[in-house]
Amino acid sequence: MDLYHLIYQSQALGEFGEPALAALLRRGRAHNQANNISGVLLHTADGRFLQVLEGPKTAVRHLYYHVILSDTRHFHCQVISEGACARRSFGGWTMGCRLARPHDLRTLLGEAPADGLGLTHRPYSRPQLLALLEGFVAQGPAEMEPAHPLDSQPTRH
């Protein structure tokens, strides 16, 4: 199998509360399970998303470029990194979810002000960024546990 990672970030257009997130996770997990895709979604209270998708190249690229980009619930979709990989970083989850603070994402992505015109990113390699994300997700509290209302299916092995 041609294993592929794609990491992107985006911003919700409006309020994206727990019911919307729970529905997104249910639909996403069903789709991902059917297409051999795994990964994790980080979500902040201010509506920012950071997601890792991993699986067959064709399935991952189709999901991002034909499904996620056309989703009108968010904007400013930006691919941070993509390419072939040797192993899955989040293989036990069809779509794990971790709630994060805006500060967490800025730290993970190495964002810094760019002369007041927006944010810039440190030039992490994909393995470095994945290692940072794996560490962050492992710190918990993660929203993958069956007892959490956002997750009714056990996805971690």
N, C-alpha and C. Protein backbone atom coordinates (compact mmCIF):
# COMPACT_ATOMS: atom_id res chain seq x y z
N MET A 1 0.86 -1.18 0.00
CA MET A 1 0.00 0.00 0.00
C MET A 1 0.90 1.24 0.00
N ASP A 2 0.51 2.23 -0.72
CA ASP A 2 1.23 3.51 -0.78
C ASP A 2 0.75 4.41 0.34
N LEU A 3 1.38 4.29 1.51
CA LEU A 3 0.96 5.02 2.70
C LEU A 3 1.33 6.49 2.57
N TYR A 4 0.38 7.36 2.97
CA TYR A 4 0.50 8.80 2.73
C TYR A 4 -0.01 9.56 3.94
N HIS A 5 0.67 10.65 4.28
CA HIS A 5 0.23 11.58 5.33
C HIS A 5 -0.17 12.90 4.70
N LEU A 6 -1.19 13.54 5.22
CA LEU A 6 -1.54 14.90 4.86
C LEU A 6 -1.93 15.61 6.15
N ILE A 7 -1.29 16.73 6.43
CA ILE A 7 -1.57 17.52 7.62
C ILE A 7 -2.06 18.88 7.16
N TYR A 8 -3.22 19.30 7.66
CA TYR A 8 -3.75 20.61 7.27
C TYR A 8 -4.34 21.31 8.48
N GLN A 9 -4.55 22.61 8.31
CA GLN A 9 -5.25 23.40 9.32
C GLN A 9 -6.34 24.20 8.62
N SER A 10 -7.36 24.58 9.40
CA SER A 10 -8.43 25.42 8.88
C SER A 10 -9.10 26.14 10.04
N GLN A 11 -10.05 27.01 9.69
CA GLN A 11 -10.78 27.80 10.67
C GLN A 11 -12.27 27.64 10.40
N ALA A 12 -13.06 27.37 11.45
CA ALA A 12 -14.51 27.26 11.30
C ALA A 12 -15.10 28.61 10.91
N LEU A 13 -16.12 28.59 10.08
CA LEU A 13 -16.79 29.83 9.67
C LEU A 13 -17.66 30.41 10.76
N GLY A 14 -18.28 29.58 11.53
CA GLY A 14 -19.14 30.04 12.61
C GLY A 14 -18.85 29.24 13.86
N GLU A 15 -19.77 29.32 14.81
CA GLU A 15 -19.58 28.56 16.03
C GLU A 15 -19.60 27.07 15.70
N PHE A 16 -18.69 26.34 16.28
CA PHE A 16 -18.57 24.90 16.04
C PHE A 16 -18.47 24.22 17.40
N GLY A 17 -19.62 24.01 18.02
CA GLY A 17 -19.68 23.48 19.37
C GLY A 17 -19.63 21.96 19.41
N GLU A 18 -19.86 21.44 20.61
CA GLU A 18 -19.76 20.00 20.84
C GLU A 18 -20.70 19.17 19.97
N PRO A 19 -21.97 19.57 19.78
CA PRO A 19 -22.84 18.76 18.91
C PRO A 19 -22.32 18.68 17.46
N ALA A 20 -21.85 19.81 16.93
CA ALA A 20 -21.31 19.80 15.56
C ALA A 20 -20.05 18.95 15.48
N LEU A 21 -19.20 19.04 16.50
CA LEU A 21 -17.98 18.25 16.52
C LEU A 21 -18.30 16.76 16.62
N ALA A 22 -19.26 16.40 17.48
CA ALA A 22 -19.66 15.00 17.62
C ALA A 22 -20.19 14.45 16.29
N ALA A 23 -21.00 15.23 15.59
CA ALA A 23 -21.54 14.79 14.29
C ALA A 23 -20.41 14.64 13.26
N LEU A 24 -19.49 15.59 13.25
CA LEU A 24 -18.34 15.51 12.34
C LEU A 24 -17.53 14.25 12.61
N LEU A 25 -17.29 13.94 13.88
CA LEU A 25 -16.53 12.75 14.23
C LEU A 25 -17.24 11.48 13.80
N ARG A 26 -18.55 11.40 14.01
CA ARG A 26 -19.30 10.20 13.59
C ARG A 26 -19.20 9.99 12.09
N ARG A 27 -19.46 11.03 11.31
CA ARG A 27 -19.39 10.90 9.85
C ARG A 27 -17.97 10.62 9.38
N GLY A 28 -17.02 11.35 9.96
CA GLY A 28 -15.63 11.17 9.55
C GLY A 28 -15.11 9.79 9.85
N ARG A 29 -15.45 9.27 11.03
CA ARG A 29 -14.97 7.93 11.38
C ARG A 29 -15.56 6.86 10.47
N ALA A 30 -16.83 6.98 10.13
CA ALA A 30 -17.44 6.01 9.23
C ALA A 30 -16.76 6.06 7.86
N HIS A 31 -16.53 7.26 7.34
CA HIS A 31 -15.86 7.41 6.05
C HIS A 31 -14.45 6.86 6.12
N ASN A 32 -13.72 7.23 7.14
CA ASN A 32 -12.33 6.82 7.25
C ASN A 32 -12.19 5.30 7.40
N GLN A 33 -13.08 4.70 8.19
CA GLN A 33 -13.03 3.25 8.35
C GLN A 33 -13.26 2.56 7.01
N ALA A 34 -14.21 3.04 6.24
CA ALA A 34 -14.51 2.44 4.94
C ALA A 34 -13.37 2.63 3.92
N ASN A 35 -12.51 3.63 4.15
CA ASN A 35 -11.45 3.93 3.18
C ASN A 35 -10.04 3.71 3.72
N ASN A 36 -9.92 3.00 4.84
CA ASN A 36 -8.63 2.65 5.43
C ASN A 36 -7.80 3.89 5.78
N ILE A 37 -8.48 4.94 6.27
CA ILE A 37 -7.82 6.18 6.65
C ILE A 37 -7.82 6.26 8.18
N SER A 38 -6.71 6.71 8.73
CA SER A 38 -6.61 6.94 10.16
C SER A 38 -6.12 8.36 10.38
N GLY A 39 -6.09 8.77 11.65
CA GLY A 39 -5.57 10.11 11.93
C GLY A 39 -6.13 10.69 13.20
N VAL A 40 -5.88 11.98 13.36
CA VAL A 40 -6.33 12.69 14.55
C VAL A 40 -6.73 14.10 14.16
N LEU A 41 -7.72 14.63 14.88
CA LEU A 41 -8.21 15.98 14.67
C LEU A 41 -8.01 16.76 15.96
N LEU A 42 -7.33 17.88 15.89
CA LEU A 42 -7.22 18.79 17.02
C LEU A 42 -8.18 19.94 16.76
N HIS A 43 -8.92 20.34 17.80
CA HIS A 43 -9.94 21.38 17.65
C HIS A 43 -9.83 22.33 18.82
N THR A 44 -9.91 23.63 18.55
CA THR A 44 -9.85 24.64 19.62
C THR A 44 -11.22 25.28 19.80
N ALA A 45 -11.44 25.85 20.96
CA ALA A 45 -12.71 26.51 21.26
C ALA A 45 -12.98 27.68 20.33
N ASP A 46 -11.93 28.29 19.76
CA ASP A 46 -12.15 29.40 18.82
C ASP A 46 -12.33 28.90 17.39
N GLY A 47 -12.54 27.59 17.21
CA GLY A 47 -12.91 27.05 15.90
C GLY A 47 -11.77 26.71 14.97
N ARG A 48 -10.60 26.55 15.48
CA ARG A 48 -9.48 26.19 14.62
C ARG A 48 -9.31 24.67 14.62
N PHE A 49 -8.93 24.14 13.46
CA PHE A 49 -8.73 22.71 13.29
C PHE A 49 -7.31 22.45 12.81
N LEU A 50 -6.75 21.36 13.26
CA LEU A 50 -5.50 20.82 12.74
C LEU A 50 -5.73 19.33 12.64
N GLN A 51 -5.55 18.77 11.44
CA GLN A 51 -5.85 17.36 11.26
C GLN A 51 -4.72 16.65 10.55
N VAL A 52 -4.47 15.42 10.99
CA VAL A 52 -3.56 14.50 10.32
C VAL A 52 -4.41 13.42 9.69
N LEU A 53 -4.25 13.22 8.40
CA LEU A 53 -4.90 12.13 7.68
C LEU A 53 -3.81 11.20 7.20
N GLU A 54 -4.02 9.90 7.32
CA GLU A 54 -3.02 8.94 6.86
C GLU A 54 -3.71 7.70 6.32
N GLY A 55 -3.16 7.17 5.24
CA GLY A 55 -3.74 6.00 4.61
C GLY A 55 -3.28 5.91 3.18
N PRO A 56 -4.03 5.18 2.35
CA PRO A 56 -3.67 5.08 0.94
C PRO A 56 -3.66 6.47 0.29
N LYS A 57 -2.66 6.73 -0.51
CA LYS A 57 -2.48 8.06 -1.12
C LYS A 57 -3.74 8.54 -1.82
N THR A 58 -4.32 7.72 -2.65
CA THR A 58 -5.50 8.13 -3.42
C THR A 58 -6.66 8.49 -2.50
N ALA A 59 -6.87 7.69 -1.45
CA ALA A 59 -7.99 7.94 -0.53
C ALA A 59 -7.77 9.21 0.28
N VAL A 60 -6.54 9.42 0.78
CA VAL A 60 -6.25 10.61 1.58
C VAL A 60 -6.36 11.87 0.74
N ARG A 61 -5.76 11.85 -0.44
CA ARG A 61 -5.82 13.04 -1.31
C ARG A 61 -7.25 13.34 -1.75
N HIS A 62 -8.03 12.30 -2.05
CA HIS A 62 -9.42 12.53 -2.44
C HIS A 62 -10.20 13.15 -1.29
N LEU A 63 -10.02 12.61 -0.08
CA LEU A 63 -10.73 13.15 1.08
C LEU A 63 -10.41 14.63 1.27
N TYR A 64 -9.15 14.99 1.22
CA TYR A 64 -8.81 16.40 1.45
C TYR A 64 -9.22 17.28 0.27
N TYR A 65 -8.79 16.95 -0.93
CA TYR A 65 -8.97 17.85 -2.07
C TYR A 65 -10.39 17.87 -2.64
N HIS A 66 -11.18 16.82 -2.37
CA HIS A 66 -12.54 16.79 -2.94
C HIS A 66 -13.65 16.84 -1.91
N VAL A 67 -13.35 16.52 -0.66
CA VAL A 67 -14.38 16.54 0.37
C VAL A 67 -14.14 17.68 1.36
N ILE A 68 -12.99 17.68 1.98
CA ILE A 68 -12.70 18.67 3.02
C ILE A 68 -12.66 20.09 2.45
N LEU A 69 -11.99 20.27 1.33
CA LEU A 69 -11.90 21.62 0.75
C LEU A 69 -13.26 22.16 0.33
N SER A 70 -14.20 21.30 0.01
CA SER A 70 -15.52 21.78 -0.42
C SER A 70 -16.49 21.95 0.75
N ASP A 71 -16.07 21.63 1.96
CA ASP A 71 -16.92 21.77 3.14
C ASP A 71 -17.02 23.25 3.48
N THR A 72 -18.23 23.79 3.43
CA THR A 72 -18.45 25.23 3.63
C THR A 72 -18.47 25.65 5.11
N ARG A 73 -18.25 24.71 6.02
CA ARG A 73 -18.25 25.05 7.44
C ARG A 73 -16.91 25.63 7.90
N HIS A 74 -15.92 25.62 7.03
CA HIS A 74 -14.62 26.17 7.42
C HIS A 74 -13.95 26.86 6.24
N PHE A 75 -12.89 27.62 6.52
CA PHE A 75 -12.18 28.36 5.48
C PHE A 75 -10.70 28.41 5.85
N HIS A 76 -9.92 29.04 5.04
CA HIS A 76 -8.47 29.12 5.24
C HIS A 76 -7.85 27.74 5.40
N CYS A 77 -8.30 26.79 4.58
CA CYS A 77 -7.67 25.47 4.59
C CYS A 77 -6.25 25.62 4.05
N GLN A 78 -5.31 25.08 4.77
CA GLN A 78 -3.91 25.19 4.37
C GLN A 78 -3.21 23.87 4.65
N VAL A 79 -2.65 23.26 3.61
CA VAL A 79 -1.85 22.05 3.80
C VAL A 79 -0.52 22.47 4.41
N ILE A 80 -0.19 21.85 5.52
CA ILE A 80 1.07 22.14 6.20
C ILE A 80 2.15 21.19 5.70
N SER A 81 1.75 19.95 5.45
CA SER A 81 2.70 18.96 4.98
C SER A 81 1.94 17.79 4.37
N GLU A 82 2.51 17.19 3.35
CA GLU A 82 1.94 15.96 2.79
C GLU A 82 3.02 15.20 2.07
N GLY A 83 2.83 13.89 2.01
CA GLY A 83 3.79 13.06 1.30
C GLY A 83 3.75 11.63 1.77
N ALA A 84 4.53 10.80 1.09
CA ALA A 84 4.62 9.38 1.41
C ALA A 84 5.24 9.21 2.80
N CYS A 85 4.88 8.13 3.46
CA CYS A 85 5.43 7.86 4.79
C CYS A 85 5.60 6.35 4.96
N ALA A 86 6.44 5.99 5.91
CA ALA A 86 6.75 4.59 6.16
C ALA A 86 5.76 3.92 7.11
N ARG A 87 5.17 4.71 8.02
CA ARG A 87 4.26 4.14 9.02
C ARG A 87 3.17 5.14 9.38
N ARG A 88 2.10 4.62 9.95
CA ARG A 88 1.03 5.46 10.46
C ARG A 88 1.42 5.98 11.84
N SER A 89 1.14 7.22 12.11
CA SER A 89 1.37 7.80 13.42
C SER A 89 0.16 7.60 14.34
N PHE A 90 -1.03 7.51 13.77
CA PHE A 90 -2.27 7.39 14.54
C PHE A 90 -3.09 6.21 14.02
N GLY A 91 -2.43 5.11 13.74
CA GLY A 91 -3.05 3.96 13.11
C GLY A 91 -4.17 3.31 13.91
N GLY A 92 -4.21 3.52 15.22
CA GLY A 92 -5.27 2.91 16.02
C GLY A 92 -6.58 3.67 16.00
N TRP A 93 -6.62 4.82 15.34
CA TRP A 93 -7.82 5.65 15.35
C TRP A 93 -8.30 5.94 13.93
N THR A 94 -9.60 5.71 13.70
CA THR A 94 -10.16 6.15 12.42
C THR A 94 -10.21 7.67 12.38
N MET A 95 -10.42 8.30 13.53
CA MET A 95 -10.26 9.74 13.69
C MET A 95 -10.29 10.05 15.18
N GLY A 96 -9.10 10.10 15.77
CA GLY A 96 -9.00 10.52 17.15
C GLY A 96 -9.31 12.01 17.21
N CYS A 97 -9.66 12.50 18.38
CA CYS A 97 -9.93 13.92 18.53
C CYS A 97 -9.33 14.39 19.84
N ARG A 98 -8.68 15.50 19.76
CA ARG A 98 -8.06 16.10 20.96
C ARG A 98 -8.45 17.55 21.00
N LEU A 99 -9.09 17.98 22.08
CA LEU A 99 -9.40 19.38 22.24
C LEU A 99 -8.11 20.09 22.63
N ALA A 100 -7.89 21.26 22.06
CA ALA A 100 -6.65 22.00 22.28
C ALA A 100 -6.97 23.46 22.53
N ARG A 101 -6.03 24.17 23.06
CA ARG A 101 -6.16 25.62 23.22
C ARG A 101 -5.48 26.28 22.02
N PRO A 102 -5.90 27.48 21.66
CA PRO A 102 -5.23 28.17 20.54
C PRO A 102 -3.72 28.24 20.75
N HIS A 103 -3.30 28.46 21.98
CA HIS A 103 -1.88 28.52 22.30
C HIS A 103 -1.18 27.19 21.95
N ASP A 104 -1.87 26.05 22.18
CA ASP A 104 -1.29 24.75 21.87
C ASP A 104 -0.96 24.63 20.38
N LEU A 105 -1.90 25.06 19.54
CA LEU A 105 -1.66 24.96 18.10
C LEU A 105 -0.55 25.90 17.65
N ARG A 106 -0.55 27.10 18.21
CA ARG A 106 0.53 28.04 17.85
C ARG A 106 1.88 27.46 18.23
N THR A 107 1.95 26.83 19.39
CA THR A 107 3.20 26.23 19.84
C THR A 107 3.58 25.04 18.96
N LEU A 108 2.62 24.16 18.68
CA LEU A 108 2.90 22.99 17.86
C LEU A 108 3.39 23.36 16.46
N LEU A 109 2.77 24.39 15.90
CA LEU A 109 3.11 24.78 14.53
C LEU A 109 4.26 25.77 14.48
N GLY A 110 4.71 26.21 15.63
CA GLY A 110 5.83 27.14 15.65
C GLY A 110 5.46 28.48 15.05
N GLU A 111 4.21 28.92 15.28
CA GLU A 111 3.76 30.17 14.69
C GLU A 111 4.37 31.36 15.40
N ALA A 112 4.69 32.34 14.62
CA ALA A 112 5.23 33.59 15.15
C ALA A 112 4.67 34.74 14.32
N PRO A 113 4.51 35.91 14.91
CA PRO A 113 4.03 37.06 14.13
C PRO A 113 4.98 37.36 12.98
N ALA A 114 4.41 37.72 11.86
CA ALA A 114 5.19 38.06 10.67
C ALA A 114 4.95 39.53 10.34
N ASP A 115 5.61 40.42 11.03
CA ASP A 115 5.48 41.86 10.79
C ASP A 115 4.03 42.33 10.85
N GLY A 116 3.22 41.71 11.70
CA GLY A 116 1.84 42.11 11.86
C GLY A 116 0.94 41.73 10.69
N LEU A 117 1.44 40.94 9.75
CA LEU A 117 0.65 40.59 8.57
C LEU A 117 0.11 39.17 8.63
N GLY A 118 0.20 38.54 9.75
CA GLY A 118 -0.28 37.17 9.86
C GLY A 118 0.71 36.33 10.62
N LEU A 119 0.70 35.05 10.36
CA LEU A 119 1.57 34.14 11.08
C LEU A 119 2.53 33.46 10.12
N THR A 120 3.68 33.13 10.61
CA THR A 120 4.61 32.31 9.85
C THR A 120 4.83 31.02 10.62
N HIS A 121 5.33 30.01 9.95
CA HIS A 121 5.57 28.71 10.57
C HIS A 121 7.04 28.37 10.50
N ARG A 122 7.51 27.72 11.58
CA ARG A 122 8.86 27.18 11.53
C ARG A 122 8.88 26.09 10.47
N PRO A 123 9.97 25.93 9.80
CA PRO A 123 10.03 24.91 8.74
C PRO A 123 10.28 23.51 9.29
N TYR A 124 9.28 22.94 10.00
CA TYR A 124 9.41 21.58 10.49
C TYR A 124 9.36 20.61 9.32
N SER A 125 10.12 19.54 9.43
CA SER A 125 9.93 18.44 8.48
C SER A 125 8.68 17.69 8.93
N ARG A 126 8.09 16.92 8.05
CA ARG A 126 6.88 16.17 8.40
C ARG A 126 7.17 15.22 9.57
N PRO A 127 8.30 14.48 9.60
CA PRO A 127 8.55 13.62 10.77
C PRO A 127 8.66 14.42 12.08
N GLN A 128 9.25 15.59 12.04
CA GLN A 128 9.35 16.41 13.25
C GLN A 128 7.96 16.85 13.72
N LEU A 129 7.14 17.33 12.79
CA LEU A 129 5.79 17.78 13.14
C LEU A 129 4.96 16.62 13.66
N LEU A 130 5.05 15.46 13.01
CA LEU A 130 4.29 14.30 13.47
C LEU A 130 4.73 13.89 14.87
N ALA A 131 6.02 13.95 15.15
CA ALA A 131 6.51 13.61 16.49
C ALA A 131 5.95 14.59 17.52
N LEU A 132 5.91 15.88 17.19
CA LEU A 132 5.33 16.87 18.10
C LEU A 132 3.84 16.59 18.33
N LEU A 133 3.12 16.28 17.26
CA LEU A 133 1.69 15.99 17.39
C LEU A 133 1.45 14.71 18.19
N GLU A 134 2.24 13.67 17.95
CA GLU A 134 2.11 12.43 18.71
C GLU A 134 2.31 12.71 20.20
N GLY A 135 3.33 13.51 20.52
CA GLY A 135 3.59 13.86 21.92
C GLY A 135 2.45 14.64 22.54
N PHE A 136 1.91 15.59 21.79
CA PHE A 136 0.80 16.40 22.30
C PHE A 136 -0.43 15.54 22.55
N VAL A 137 -0.77 14.68 21.61
CA VAL A 137 -1.95 13.83 21.75
C VAL A 137 -1.76 12.87 22.92
N ALA A 138 -0.55 12.36 23.11
CA ALA A 138 -0.29 11.41 24.19
C ALA A 138 -0.42 12.05 25.58
N GLN A 139 -0.29 13.37 25.65
CA GLN A 139 -0.40 14.06 26.94
C GLN A 139 -1.81 14.04 27.50
N GLY A 140 -2.83 13.90 26.62
CA GLY A 140 -4.20 13.90 27.06
C GLY A 140 -4.60 15.24 27.65
N PRO A 141 -5.84 15.48 28.06
CA PRO A 141 -6.90 14.49 27.92
C PRO A 141 -7.37 14.39 26.48
N ALA A 142 -7.35 13.21 25.98
CA ALA A 142 -7.76 12.98 24.60
C ALA A 142 -9.24 12.63 24.56
N GLU A 143 -9.87 12.95 23.47
CA GLU A 143 -11.31 12.70 23.31
C GLU A 143 -11.53 11.43 22.50
N MET A 144 -10.77 10.39 22.80
CA MET A 144 -10.93 9.13 22.08
C MET A 144 -11.55 8.06 22.96
N GLU A 145 -11.71 8.33 24.23
CA GLU A 145 -12.15 7.33 25.16
C GLU A 145 -13.65 7.09 25.02
N PRO A 146 -14.07 5.83 25.06
CA PRO A 146 -15.49 5.52 24.87
C PRO A 146 -16.41 6.22 25.88
N ALA A 147 -15.92 6.56 27.05
CA ALA A 147 -16.77 7.18 28.05
C ALA A 147 -17.06 8.65 27.74
N HIS A 148 -16.33 9.24 26.82
CA HIS A 148 -16.54 10.65 26.50
C HIS A 148 -17.73 10.80 25.56
N PRO A 149 -18.57 11.80 25.75
CA PRO A 149 -19.76 11.95 24.90
C PRO A 149 -19.44 12.22 23.44
N LEU A 150 -18.23 12.67 23.12
CA LEU A 150 -17.91 12.89 21.70
C LEU A 150 -17.54 11.60 20.99
N ASP A 151 -17.36 10.53 21.73
CA ASP A 151 -16.82 9.32 21.12
C ASP A 151 -17.53 8.09 21.66
N SER A 152 -18.34 7.49 20.83
CA SER A 152 -19.06 6.33 21.29
C SER A 152 -18.41 5.03 20.82
N GLN A 153 -17.35 5.13 20.04
CA GLN A 153 -16.70 3.91 19.57
C GLN A 153 -15.26 3.86 20.09
N PRO A 154 -14.85 2.71 20.65
CA PRO A 154 -13.46 2.59 21.05
C PRO A 154 -12.59 2.47 19.81
N THR A 155 -11.64 3.38 19.66
CA THR A 155 -10.82 3.38 18.45
C THR A 155 -9.34 3.19 18.74
N ARG A 156 -8.95 3.18 20.01
CA ARG A 156 -7.53 3.04 20.37
C ARG A 156 -7.25 1.59 20.72
N HIS A 157 -6.25 1.01 20.15
CA HIS A 157 -5.88 -0.39 20.45
C HIS A 157 -4.72 -0.42 21.39
